Amino acid sequence: MNVQFKKGALELLVLLIINNNDQYGYSLIQIIAKKIAISEGTIYPLLRRLVKEGYLNSYYEPSREGPSRKYYAITVKGNERLKKLTEEWNMFTESINSFMKESDIHDKG
């Protein structure tokens, strides 16, 4: 998958997943990696930025498998950001899909 496509969608994906359930960094990587190839190096800087911008809060929870885990929860501001990104994504994909429907690229191959 195109790296730029992933980069543009990752913030939306992270907010969508955390909106459903609080997550820790590695759990996010596992969830996303089931459908899209990503590396740890892309998630943790994004989480730090989302906390810094007030879209997420973080807290620690004990783990049965080792040290406490840092969980992330969406904030009210994060929910507003998620709604905005979702609207923008829908407008963007509808526009791209309309071009794809108008194109005869599938008939030329």
N, C-alpha and C. Protein backbone atom coordinates (compact mmCIF):
# COMPACT_ATOMS: atom_id res chain seq x y z
N MET A 1 0.84 -1.18 0.00
CA MET A 1 0.00 0.00 0.00
C MET A 1 0.88 1.24 0.00
N ASN A 2 0.46 2.23 -0.69
CA ASN A 2 1.19 3.48 -0.81
C ASN A 2 1.42 4.10 0.57
N VAL A 3 2.66 4.44 0.88
CA VAL A 3 3.03 4.99 2.19
C VAL A 3 2.29 6.29 2.48
N GLN A 4 2.13 7.13 1.48
CA GLN A 4 1.43 8.41 1.69
C GLN A 4 -0.04 8.19 2.01
N PHE A 5 -0.67 7.18 1.42
CA PHE A 5 -2.06 6.86 1.76
C PHE A 5 -2.15 6.50 3.24
N LYS A 6 -1.24 5.63 3.68
CA LYS A 6 -1.25 5.19 5.08
C LYS A 6 -1.01 6.36 6.02
N LYS A 7 -0.03 7.18 5.68
CA LYS A 7 0.32 8.31 6.54
C LYS A 7 -0.87 9.24 6.74
N GLY A 8 -1.60 9.49 5.67
CA GLY A 8 -2.75 10.38 5.75
C GLY A 8 -3.91 9.81 6.54
N ALA A 9 -4.03 8.49 6.57
CA ALA A 9 -5.17 7.85 7.22
C ALA A 9 -4.88 7.40 8.65
N LEU A 10 -3.64 7.37 9.05
CA LEU A 10 -3.28 6.79 10.34
C LEU A 10 -3.90 7.52 11.53
N GLU A 11 -3.90 8.84 11.51
CA GLU A 11 -4.51 9.58 12.63
C GLU A 11 -5.98 9.22 12.74
N LEU A 12 -6.69 9.16 11.64
CA LEU A 12 -8.10 8.78 11.65
C LEU A 12 -8.27 7.37 12.20
N LEU A 13 -7.46 6.43 11.76
CA LEU A 13 -7.55 5.05 12.24
C LEU A 13 -7.34 4.96 13.75
N VAL A 14 -6.31 5.64 14.24
CA VAL A 14 -5.99 5.60 15.67
C VAL A 14 -7.15 6.17 16.48
N LEU A 15 -7.69 7.30 16.05
CA LEU A 15 -8.82 7.90 16.79
C LEU A 15 -10.05 7.00 16.72
N LEU A 16 -10.31 6.39 15.58
CA LEU A 16 -11.45 5.48 15.46
C LEU A 16 -11.34 4.30 16.43
N ILE A 17 -10.16 3.71 16.48
CA ILE A 17 -9.95 2.53 17.34
C ILE A 17 -10.05 2.91 18.81
N ILE A 18 -9.40 4.00 19.19
CA ILE A 18 -9.41 4.41 20.60
C ILE A 18 -10.80 4.91 21.00
N ASN A 19 -11.55 5.44 20.06
CA ASN A 19 -12.92 5.86 20.35
C ASN A 19 -13.77 4.68 20.81
N ASN A 20 -13.49 3.50 20.26
CA ASN A 20 -14.24 2.30 20.65
C ASN A 20 -13.80 1.76 22.00
N ASN A 21 -12.49 1.73 22.24
CA ASN A 21 -11.93 1.22 23.50
C ASN A 21 -10.57 1.85 23.72
N ASP A 22 -10.27 2.21 24.96
CA ASP A 22 -8.93 2.68 25.28
C ASP A 22 -7.93 1.62 24.87
N GLN A 23 -6.77 2.05 24.40
CA GLN A 23 -5.76 1.13 23.90
C GLN A 23 -4.38 1.54 24.40
N TYR A 24 -3.45 0.58 24.43
CA TYR A 24 -2.05 0.90 24.63
C TYR A 24 -1.37 0.79 23.27
N GLY A 25 -0.19 1.35 23.16
CA GLY A 25 0.48 1.47 21.87
C GLY A 25 0.60 0.18 21.09
N TYR A 26 1.09 -0.86 21.74
CA TYR A 26 1.30 -2.12 21.02
C TYR A 26 -0.02 -2.74 20.57
N SER A 27 -1.08 -2.57 21.37
CA SER A 27 -2.38 -3.11 20.96
C SER A 27 -2.88 -2.41 19.70
N LEU A 28 -2.62 -1.10 19.59
CA LEU A 28 -2.99 -0.37 18.39
C LEU A 28 -2.25 -0.93 17.17
N ILE A 29 -0.97 -1.16 17.34
CA ILE A 29 -0.16 -1.70 16.25
C ILE A 29 -0.73 -3.05 15.80
N GLN A 30 -1.06 -3.91 16.75
CA GLN A 30 -1.61 -5.23 16.41
C GLN A 30 -2.94 -5.12 15.68
N ILE A 31 -3.81 -4.24 16.14
CA ILE A 31 -5.12 -4.08 15.50
C ILE A 31 -4.97 -3.57 14.08
N ILE A 32 -4.17 -2.53 13.90
CA ILE A 32 -4.00 -1.94 12.56
C ILE A 32 -3.27 -2.90 11.64
N ALA A 33 -2.25 -3.60 12.17
CA ALA A 33 -1.43 -4.50 11.34
C ALA A 33 -2.22 -5.69 10.80
N LYS A 34 -3.38 -5.97 11.36
CA LYS A 34 -4.22 -7.05 10.82
C LYS A 34 -4.70 -6.72 9.42
N LYS A 35 -4.78 -5.41 9.11
CA LYS A 35 -5.30 -5.00 7.81
C LYS A 35 -4.34 -4.15 7.00
N ILE A 36 -3.42 -3.46 7.69
CA ILE A 36 -2.48 -2.57 7.01
C ILE A 36 -1.10 -2.77 7.62
N ALA A 37 -0.09 -2.94 6.79
CA ALA A 37 1.28 -3.11 7.29
C ALA A 37 1.79 -1.78 7.84
N ILE A 38 2.17 -1.77 9.12
CA ILE A 38 2.73 -0.57 9.75
C ILE A 38 3.88 -0.96 10.64
N SER A 39 4.65 0.02 11.07
CA SER A 39 5.75 -0.25 12.00
C SER A 39 5.49 0.51 13.30
N GLU A 40 6.14 0.04 14.36
CA GLU A 40 6.02 0.69 15.66
C GLU A 40 6.45 2.14 15.58
N GLY A 41 7.42 2.41 14.75
CA GLY A 41 7.97 3.76 14.63
C GLY A 41 6.99 4.79 14.11
N THR A 42 5.87 4.36 13.58
CA THR A 42 4.87 5.32 13.11
C THR A 42 3.81 5.61 14.16
N ILE A 43 3.53 4.66 15.03
CA ILE A 43 2.43 4.82 16.00
C ILE A 43 2.83 5.68 17.19
N TYR A 44 3.96 5.40 17.80
CA TYR A 44 4.32 6.09 19.04
C TYR A 44 4.50 7.60 18.87
N PRO A 45 5.16 8.07 17.81
CA PRO A 45 5.22 9.53 17.61
C PRO A 45 3.83 10.14 17.39
N LEU A 46 2.97 9.43 16.69
CA LEU A 46 1.61 9.91 16.46
C LEU A 46 0.85 10.01 17.79
N LEU A 47 0.98 9.00 18.65
CA LEU A 47 0.31 9.04 19.95
C LEU A 47 0.81 10.21 20.79
N ARG A 48 2.12 10.45 20.78
CA ARG A 48 2.66 11.60 21.53
C ARG A 48 2.08 12.91 21.02
N ARG A 49 1.98 13.05 19.70
CA ARG A 49 1.43 14.26 19.12
C ARG A 49 -0.05 14.43 19.48
N LEU A 50 -0.81 13.35 19.41
CA LEU A 50 -2.24 13.43 19.72
C LEU A 50 -2.48 13.79 21.19
N VAL A 51 -1.61 13.32 22.09
CA VAL A 51 -1.71 13.71 23.50
C VAL A 51 -1.34 15.19 23.64
N LYS A 52 -0.26 15.59 23.00
CA LYS A 52 0.20 16.98 23.10
C LYS A 52 -0.86 17.95 22.58
N GLU A 53 -1.57 17.56 21.54
CA GLU A 53 -2.60 18.42 20.95
C GLU A 53 -3.93 18.33 21.68
N GLY A 54 -4.02 17.47 22.69
CA GLY A 54 -5.23 17.39 23.50
C GLY A 54 -6.31 16.48 22.96
N TYR A 55 -6.00 15.66 21.95
CA TYR A 55 -6.97 14.74 21.38
C TYR A 55 -7.07 13.43 22.16
N LEU A 56 -5.99 13.10 22.87
CA LEU A 56 -5.95 11.90 23.70
C LEU A 56 -5.41 12.25 25.08
N ASN A 57 -5.83 11.47 26.06
CA ASN A 57 -5.21 11.46 27.39
C ASN A 57 -4.53 10.12 27.56
N SER A 58 -3.56 10.06 28.44
CA SER A 58 -2.91 8.77 28.72
C SER A 58 -2.95 8.49 30.21
N TYR A 59 -2.93 7.21 30.53
CA TYR A 59 -2.91 6.75 31.92
C TYR A 59 -2.27 5.37 31.97
N TYR A 60 -1.81 4.98 33.14
CA TYR A 60 -1.15 3.69 33.30
C TYR A 60 -2.08 2.69 33.98
N GLU A 61 -2.03 1.45 33.50
CA GLU A 61 -2.78 0.34 34.09
C GLU A 61 -1.81 -0.81 34.34
N PRO A 62 -1.95 -1.48 35.48
CA PRO A 62 -1.10 -2.65 35.72
C PRO A 62 -1.33 -3.72 34.66
N SER A 63 -0.30 -4.46 34.38
CA SER A 63 -0.38 -5.55 33.42
C SER A 63 -0.02 -6.86 34.10
N ARG A 64 -0.69 -7.93 33.73
CA ARG A 64 -0.37 -9.26 34.28
C ARG A 64 0.91 -9.82 33.68
N GLU A 65 1.33 -9.24 32.56
CA GLU A 65 2.47 -9.77 31.82
C GLU A 65 3.74 -8.96 31.98
N GLY A 66 3.78 -8.03 32.92
CA GLY A 66 4.99 -7.22 33.07
C GLY A 66 4.66 -5.87 33.68
N PRO A 67 5.43 -4.86 33.28
CA PRO A 67 5.21 -3.53 33.85
C PRO A 67 3.87 -2.93 33.41
N SER A 68 3.48 -1.88 34.08
CA SER A 68 2.23 -1.19 33.74
C SER A 68 2.28 -0.73 32.28
N ARG A 69 1.09 -0.70 31.68
CA ARG A 69 0.98 -0.26 30.29
C ARG A 69 0.38 1.14 30.24
N LYS A 70 0.85 1.91 29.29
CA LYS A 70 0.33 3.25 29.08
C LYS A 70 -0.83 3.17 28.10
N TYR A 71 -2.02 3.48 28.59
CA TYR A 71 -3.22 3.45 27.78
C TYR A 71 -3.56 4.85 27.30
N TYR A 72 -4.29 4.89 26.20
CA TYR A 72 -4.72 6.16 25.62
C TYR A 72 -6.24 6.16 25.53
N ALA A 73 -6.83 7.31 25.90
CA ALA A 73 -8.27 7.50 25.85
C ALA A 73 -8.56 8.77 25.06
N ILE A 74 -9.63 8.75 24.30
CA ILE A 74 -9.99 9.93 23.50
C ILE A 74 -10.64 10.99 24.40
N THR A 75 -10.37 12.23 24.10
CA THR A 75 -10.93 13.36 24.85
C THR A 75 -12.12 13.94 24.08
N VAL A 76 -12.80 14.90 24.68
CA VAL A 76 -13.88 15.61 23.98
C VAL A 76 -13.32 16.27 22.73
N LYS A 77 -12.18 16.91 22.87
CA LYS A 77 -11.52 17.54 21.72
C LYS A 77 -11.16 16.48 20.66
N GLY A 78 -10.75 15.30 21.12
CA GLY A 78 -10.43 14.21 20.21
C GLY A 78 -11.66 13.72 19.46
N ASN A 79 -12.80 13.68 20.12
CA ASN A 79 -14.05 13.29 19.45
C ASN A 79 -14.42 14.30 18.38
N GLU A 80 -14.21 15.57 18.66
CA GLU A 80 -14.47 16.60 17.66
C GLU A 80 -13.54 16.43 16.47
N ARG A 81 -12.27 16.16 16.74
CA ARG A 81 -11.29 15.92 15.68
C ARG A 81 -11.68 14.69 14.86
N LEU A 82 -12.12 13.64 15.52
CA LEU A 82 -12.54 12.41 14.84
C LEU A 82 -13.71 12.70 13.91
N LYS A 83 -14.68 13.45 14.37
CA LYS A 83 -15.83 13.79 13.51
C LYS A 83 -15.38 14.57 12.28
N LYS A 84 -14.49 15.54 12.49
CA LYS A 84 -13.99 16.35 11.38
C LYS A 84 -13.22 15.49 10.38
N LEU A 85 -12.31 14.65 10.89
CA LEU A 85 -11.52 13.78 10.00
C LEU A 85 -12.42 12.80 9.24
N THR A 86 -13.45 12.29 9.91
CA THR A 86 -14.37 11.35 9.26
C THR A 86 -15.11 12.04 8.12
N GLU A 87 -15.59 13.26 8.37
CA GLU A 87 -16.26 14.02 7.31
C GLU A 87 -15.32 14.28 6.14
N GLU A 88 -14.09 14.70 6.45
CA GLU A 88 -13.11 14.97 5.40
C GLU A 88 -12.77 13.70 4.62
N TRP A 89 -12.61 12.58 5.33
CA TRP A 89 -12.30 11.31 4.68
C TRP A 89 -13.43 10.91 3.74
N ASN A 90 -14.67 11.03 4.21
CA ASN A 90 -15.81 10.66 3.37
C ASN A 90 -15.89 11.53 2.12
N MET A 91 -15.67 12.82 2.25
CA MET A 91 -15.68 13.70 1.09
C MET A 91 -14.55 13.34 0.13
N PHE A 92 -13.37 13.08 0.68
CA PHE A 92 -12.22 12.72 -0.14
C PHE A 92 -12.45 11.42 -0.90
N THR A 93 -12.88 10.38 -0.20
CA THR A 93 -13.06 9.08 -0.86
C THR A 93 -14.20 9.12 -1.86
N GLU A 94 -15.25 9.88 -1.57
CA GLU A 94 -16.34 10.02 -2.55
C GLU A 94 -15.83 10.68 -3.82
N SER A 95 -14.98 11.69 -3.67
CA SER A 95 -14.42 12.37 -4.84
C SER A 95 -13.55 11.43 -5.65
N ILE A 96 -12.67 10.71 -4.98
CA ILE A 96 -11.78 9.76 -5.68
C ILE A 96 -12.62 8.67 -6.35
N ASN A 97 -13.59 8.13 -5.63
CA ASN A 97 -14.44 7.08 -6.20
C ASN A 97 -15.21 7.57 -7.43
N SER A 98 -15.62 8.83 -7.41
CA SER A 98 -16.34 9.34 -8.58
C SER A 98 -15.41 9.39 -9.80
N PHE A 99 -14.15 9.76 -9.59
CA PHE A 99 -13.20 9.74 -10.69
C PHE A 99 -12.96 8.32 -11.19
N MET A 100 -12.89 7.38 -10.26
CA MET A 100 -12.65 6.00 -10.65
C MET A 100 -13.82 5.44 -11.45
N LYS A 101 -15.02 5.81 -11.08
CA LYS A 101 -16.20 5.34 -11.82
C LYS A 101 -16.22 5.92 -13.22
N GLU A 102 -15.78 7.18 -13.35
CA GLU A 102 -15.77 7.85 -14.66
C GLU A 102 -14.64 7.36 -15.55
N SER A 103 -13.61 6.80 -14.96
CA SER A 103 -12.44 6.36 -15.71
C SER A 103 -12.69 5.00 -16.35
N ASP A 104 -12.10 4.81 -17.49
CA ASP A 104 -12.22 3.51 -18.14
C ASP A 104 -10.92 2.72 -17.99
N ILE A 105 -10.16 2.99 -16.92
CA ILE A 105 -8.87 2.34 -16.71
C ILE A 105 -8.98 0.82 -16.67
N HIS A 106 -10.08 0.31 -16.12
CA HIS A 106 -10.25 -1.14 -16.03
C HIS A 106 -10.48 -1.77 -17.41
N ASP A 107 -10.98 -0.99 -18.34
CA ASP A 107 -11.23 -1.49 -19.69
C ASP A 107 -9.99 -1.46 -20.58
N LYS A 108 -8.93 -0.80 -20.12
CA LYS A 108 -7.72 -0.65 -20.93
C LYS A 108 -6.64 -1.65 -20.57
N GLY A 109 -6.89 -2.50 -19.60
CA GLY A 109 -5.83 -3.33 -19.13
C GLY A 109 -5.81 -4.67 -19.69
